[in-house]
Amino acid sequence: MTVHFIGAGPGAADLITLRGLNLIRAAPVVLYAGSLVPDAIIAEASPSARVLDTAPLHLDQIIEEIKSADGLGHDVARVHSGDPSIYGAVAEQMRRLKQLGIDFDVTPGVSAYAAAAAELKIELTLPDVSQTVILTRTSVRSSSMPDGEDLAKLGASGATLAIHLSVNNLAKVVRDLTPHYGPDGPVIIAYRVGWPDQQFIHGTLATIRDKVKASGITRTALILVGAVLDPSGFDDSRLYAADHHHVLRPRP
């Protein structure tokens, strides 16, 4: 018996990996994360499978479901949104499974920041603009941030920021980042990326709060900040430069 942690992607049902989809189709038990996972993905489960929305359940109840499946020798497809490695709340489940001696594996998924960049048709790293992407969040009702990872300190790098779970904390985001990116620093709010009602709000650190307030968005949104969102100019990458030679493109 194996528990398969599966990243379902950000919202579009066809962004799940083939591996993840096949595991869902084959699993006798499918546990999924409520409204965060598209119905079309869960509909791929076998008609005979036990399919359960875990949104109303706490950790102990989820583990009890897995233990019951283990007792029957049934594999479990544990379906999360996005990619399990980022804000997936899977580490505590894995810890319990290790303690119980229950085998598990992980299938990655498309994260919201990657899906947002694809929808926006942008690259989050540009030569001489930003070569670093920082994935972070702020503290609201969720877990506190560790010492040294406060947003102002991260913003001092000038890197491209993908700030999760923080649209309700936008005032703090603006306050902490304006000294480093300037009031004209580009910002994009990516709401429900990949879903039919996805929305992108473009602005600056000076204007974004009013725009978000007018939109009524209060959750399920990613905040992107950085010069790559609206570059005034950047150099071509050296990768395809005519005078750049490497093992697959040797000197003539």
Protein backbone atom coordinates (compact mmCIF):
# COMPACT_ATOMS: atom_id res chain seq x y z
CA MET A 1 0.00 0.00 0.00
CA THR A 2 1.27 3.47 -0.89
CA VAL A 3 -0.01 6.99 -0.30
CA HIS A 4 0.56 9.09 -3.40
CA PHE A 5 0.79 12.82 -2.66
CA ILE A 6 -0.20 14.46 -5.95
CA GLY A 7 0.07 18.08 -7.03
CA ALA A 8 -3.01 18.82 -9.13
CA GLY A 9 -1.74 22.17 -10.40
CA PRO A 10 -3.22 25.64 -9.95
CA GLY A 11 -6.72 25.18 -11.37
CA ALA A 12 -6.82 24.12 -15.01
CA ALA A 13 -7.61 20.41 -15.02
CA ASP A 14 -5.29 19.71 -17.94
CA LEU A 15 -2.23 21.01 -16.09
CA ILE A 16 -1.96 17.92 -13.91
CA THR A 17 0.85 15.53 -14.84
CA LEU A 18 0.10 12.25 -16.61
CA ARG A 19 1.61 10.43 -13.64
CA GLY A 20 -0.69 12.19 -11.21
CA LEU A 21 -3.77 11.58 -13.34
CA ASN A 22 -2.98 7.89 -13.75
CA LEU A 23 -2.47 7.48 -10.01
CA ILE A 24 -5.87 9.07 -9.33
CA ARG A 25 -7.54 6.81 -11.89
CA ALA A 26 -6.03 3.70 -10.31
CA ALA A 27 -6.41 4.50 -6.61
CA PRO A 28 -9.11 2.74 -4.56
CA VAL A 29 -9.13 5.77 -2.21
CA VAL A 30 -8.94 9.43 -3.27
CA LEU A 31 -8.58 12.14 -0.64
CA TYR A 32 -8.62 15.65 -2.08
CA ALA A 33 -8.34 19.23 -0.90
CA GLY A 34 -11.85 20.57 -1.35
CA SER A 35 -12.56 23.48 -3.69
CA LEU A 36 -8.84 23.90 -4.47
CA VAL A 37 -8.82 20.87 -6.78
CA PRO A 38 -10.92 20.98 -9.98
CA ASP A 39 -13.97 18.70 -10.13
CA ALA A 40 -12.79 17.48 -13.55
CA ILE A 41 -9.70 15.95 -11.95
CA ILE A 42 -11.62 14.21 -9.16
CA ALA A 43 -14.10 12.93 -11.76
CA GLU A 44 -11.24 10.82 -13.16
CA ALA A 45 -11.34 8.60 -10.06
CA SER A 46 -12.70 5.11 -10.46
CA PRO A 47 -16.49 4.81 -9.92
CA SER A 48 -15.70 2.23 -7.24
CA ALA A 49 -13.20 4.43 -5.37
CA ARG A 50 -13.84 5.99 -2.00
CA VAL A 51 -13.61 9.72 -2.79
CA LEU A 52 -13.50 12.12 0.14
CA ASP A 53 -13.16 15.90 0.41
CA THR A 54 -10.75 16.54 3.30
CA ALA A 55 -11.51 20.26 3.65
CA PRO A 56 -13.79 19.67 6.70
CA LEU A 57 -11.31 17.25 8.31
CA HIS A 58 -8.45 17.92 10.70
CA LEU A 59 -5.11 16.12 10.51
CA ASP A 60 -6.01 13.25 12.85
CA GLN A 61 -9.13 12.46 10.82
CA ILE A 62 -7.18 12.47 7.56
CA ILE A 63 -4.62 10.09 9.02
CA GLU A 64 -7.41 7.81 10.25
CA GLU A 65 -8.72 7.60 6.68
CA ILE A 66 -5.26 6.64 5.48
CA LYS A 67 -4.86 4.06 8.25
CA SER A 68 -8.19 2.50 7.27
CA ALA A 69 -7.03 2.26 3.66
CA ASP A 70 -3.73 0.79 4.79
CA GLY A 71 -5.58 -1.88 6.76
CA LEU A 72 -7.37 -2.89 3.55
CA GLY A 73 -4.21 -2.73 1.46
CA HIS A 74 -5.64 0.09 -0.64
CA ASP A 75 -3.45 2.74 -2.25
CA VAL A 76 -4.44 6.35 -1.55
CA ALA A 77 -4.28 9.26 -3.96
CA ARG A 78 -3.82 12.29 -1.69
CA VAL A 79 -4.55 15.19 -4.04
CA HIS A 80 -3.42 18.72 -3.22
CA SER A 81 -3.57 21.88 -5.30
CA GLY A 82 -0.51 23.41 -6.95
CA ASP A 83 2.75 21.67 -6.07
CA PRO A 84 3.02 19.77 -2.77
CA SER A 85 6.46 21.21 -2.03
CA ILE A 86 5.18 24.77 -1.58
CA TYR A 87 2.68 25.62 1.19
CA GLY A 88 1.15 22.20 0.71
CA ALA A 89 0.73 21.20 4.38
CA VAL A 90 2.03 17.77 3.43
CA ALA A 91 5.08 17.63 5.69
CA GLU A 92 3.01 16.91 8.80
CA GLN A 93 1.12 14.17 6.96
CA MET A 94 4.38 12.61 5.81
CA ARG A 95 5.74 12.74 9.35
CA ARG A 96 2.72 10.82 10.63
CA LEU A 97 3.03 8.25 7.84
CA LYS A 98 6.71 7.69 8.66
CA GLN A 99 5.77 7.11 12.29
CA LEU A 100 3.14 4.58 11.21
CA GLY A 101 5.44 2.84 8.75
CA ILE A 102 3.14 3.64 5.81
CA ASP A 103 4.87 4.07 2.45
CA PHE A 104 4.34 7.23 0.41
CA ASP A 105 5.65 9.04 -2.64
CA VAL A 106 5.19 12.50 -4.18
CA THR A 107 4.18 13.59 -7.68
CA PRO A 108 4.96 17.26 -8.36
CA GLY A 109 2.51 19.74 -9.82
CA VAL A 110 2.49 23.16 -11.45
CA SER A 111 2.71 25.92 -8.86
CA ALA A 112 0.66 29.11 -9.07
CA TYR A 113 3.67 31.35 -9.69
CA ALA A 114 4.71 29.29 -12.73
CA ALA A 115 1.15 29.17 -14.06
CA ALA A 116 0.79 32.93 -13.58
CA ALA A 117 4.00 33.62 -15.51
CA ALA A 118 2.74 31.39 -18.33
CA GLU A 119 -0.62 33.15 -18.50
CA LEU A 120 1.08 36.55 -18.44
CA LYS A 121 3.61 35.42 -21.07
CA ILE A 122 6.54 36.69 -19.05
CA GLU A 123 9.81 35.33 -17.72
CA LEU A 124 10.47 35.82 -14.02
CA THR A 125 14.23 36.02 -14.55
CA LEU A 126 15.75 38.44 -17.05
CA PRO A 127 19.44 39.24 -17.75
CA ASP A 128 20.60 42.29 -15.80
CA VAL A 129 17.12 42.74 -14.27
CA SER A 130 16.60 39.82 -11.88
CA GLN A 131 18.15 36.37 -11.72
CA THR A 132 16.45 35.36 -8.49
CA VAL A 133 12.87 34.42 -7.65
CA ILE A 134 11.87 34.37 -3.99
CA LEU A 135 8.76 32.41 -3.00
CA THR A 136 7.46 33.67 0.31
CA ARG A 137 4.40 34.75 2.28
CA THR A 138 3.46 36.95 5.22
CA SER A 139 1.86 36.14 8.55
CA VAL A 140 -1.86 36.69 8.88
CA ARG A 141 -3.80 33.87 10.56
CA SER A 142 -1.43 31.18 9.35
CA SER A 143 1.94 30.09 10.67
CA SER A 144 4.33 32.82 11.76
CA MET A 145 7.39 33.67 9.69
CA PRO A 146 10.78 32.51 11.00
CA ASP A 147 13.29 35.08 12.18
CA GLY A 148 15.25 36.56 9.29
CA GLU A 149 12.55 35.91 6.68
CA ASP A 150 10.57 39.12 7.07
CA LEU A 151 9.40 40.63 3.80
CA ALA A 152 11.36 43.87 4.13
CA LYS A 153 14.60 41.92 4.46
CA LEU A 154 13.80 39.72 1.46
CA GLY A 155 12.77 42.75 -0.56
CA ALA A 156 16.14 44.37 0.01
CA SER A 157 17.54 41.89 -2.53
CA GLY A 158 15.53 43.45 -5.35
CA ALA A 159 14.67 39.94 -6.57
CA THR A 160 11.41 38.92 -8.22
CA LEU A 161 8.96 38.11 -5.41
CA ALA A 162 6.08 35.65 -5.56
CA ILE A 163 4.15 36.29 -2.36
CA HIS A 164 1.60 33.64 -1.48
CA LEU A 165 -1.34 33.70 0.96
CA SER A 166 -1.01 37.44 1.58
CA VAL A 167 -3.55 39.44 -0.41
CA ASN A 168 -5.33 40.21 2.88
CA ASN A 169 -2.03 41.63 4.11
CA LEU A 170 -1.45 43.88 1.10
CA ALA A 171 -0.97 47.02 3.21
CA LYS A 172 2.04 45.42 4.91
CA VAL A 173 3.38 44.17 1.58
CA VAL A 174 3.26 47.68 0.15
CA ARG A 175 4.75 49.23 3.27
CA ASP A 176 7.64 46.77 3.47
CA LEU A 177 8.54 46.74 -0.22
CA THR A 178 8.15 50.38 -1.29
CA PRO A 179 11.56 51.42 0.15
CA HIS A 180 13.25 48.76 -2.02
CA TYR A 181 11.23 48.73 -5.25
CA GLY A 182 9.96 52.32 -5.15
CA PRO A 183 6.34 53.48 -5.38
CA ASP A 184 6.43 52.76 -9.12
CA GLY A 185 7.60 49.18 -8.55
CA PRO A 186 5.47 46.89 -10.75
CA VAL A 187 2.95 44.60 -9.05
CA ILE A 188 0.57 41.99 -10.46
CA ILE A 189 -2.15 40.31 -8.44
CA ALA A 190 -2.90 36.89 -9.91
CA TYR A 191 -6.33 35.69 -8.76
CA ARG A 192 -7.33 32.02 -9.09
CA VAL A 193 -4.78 31.28 -11.78
CA GLY A 194 -5.92 28.56 -14.14
CA TRP A 195 -9.58 28.68 -13.11
CA PRO A 196 -12.30 29.98 -15.47
CA ASP A 197 -12.65 33.15 -13.38
CA GLN A 198 -8.92 33.93 -13.22
CA GLN A 199 -8.07 37.61 -13.09
CA PHE A 200 -4.90 39.68 -13.22
CA ILE A 201 -4.67 43.14 -11.71
CA HIS A 202 -1.71 45.21 -12.90
CA GLY A 203 -0.45 48.15 -10.89
CA THR A 204 2.39 49.57 -8.86
CA LEU A 205 3.12 49.57 -5.16
CA ALA A 206 1.50 53.01 -5.05
CA THR A 207 -1.72 52.00 -6.82
CA ILE A 208 -2.29 48.30 -6.19
CA ARG A 209 -4.17 48.56 -2.87
CA ASP A 210 -6.94 50.72 -4.34
CA LYS A 211 -7.22 48.46 -7.39
CA VAL A 212 -7.51 45.31 -5.29
CA LYS A 213 -10.04 46.92 -2.97
CA ALA A 214 -12.17 47.90 -5.96
CA SER A 215 -12.00 44.33 -7.30
CA GLY A 216 -13.29 42.78 -4.08
CA ILE A 217 -10.56 40.12 -4.11
CA THR A 218 -9.82 38.87 -0.59
CA ARG A 219 -8.33 35.39 -1.05
CA THR A 220 -6.82 32.85 -3.48
CA ALA A 221 -4.48 35.40 -5.02
CA LEU A 222 -0.74 35.52 -5.61
CA ILE A 223 1.22 38.78 -5.42
CA LEU A 224 4.05 39.21 -7.92
CA VAL A 225 6.50 42.08 -7.43
CA GLY A 226 9.59 43.05 -9.37
CA ALA A 227 11.08 44.87 -12.33
CA VAL A 228 10.69 41.80 -14.60
CA LEU A 229 6.95 42.46 -14.66
CA ASP A 230 7.44 45.67 -16.66
CA PRO A 231 11.04 45.82 -17.90
CA SER A 232 12.18 48.96 -19.71
CA GLY A 233 14.86 46.92 -21.44
CA PHE A 234 17.07 43.91 -20.93
CA ASP A 235 19.96 42.20 -22.68
CA ASP A 236 19.51 38.98 -24.62
CA SER A 237 20.57 35.88 -22.76
CA ARG A 238 24.04 34.61 -23.64
CA LEU A 239 22.56 31.15 -24.19
CA TYR A 240 21.74 31.76 -27.85
CA ALA A 241 24.33 34.41 -28.65
CA ALA A 242 26.13 33.70 -31.94
CA ASP A 243 29.54 33.98 -30.26
CA HIS A 244 28.61 31.77 -27.31
CA HIS A 245 30.01 28.27 -27.77
CA HIS A 246 29.52 25.12 -25.70
CA VAL A 247 29.67 21.35 -26.03
CA LEU A 248 26.56 21.21 -28.22
CA ARG A 249 27.55 24.25 -30.28
CA PRO A 250 31.33 24.08 -30.69
CA ARG A 251 33.42 26.74 -32.34
CA PRO A 252 33.46 26.39 -36.15
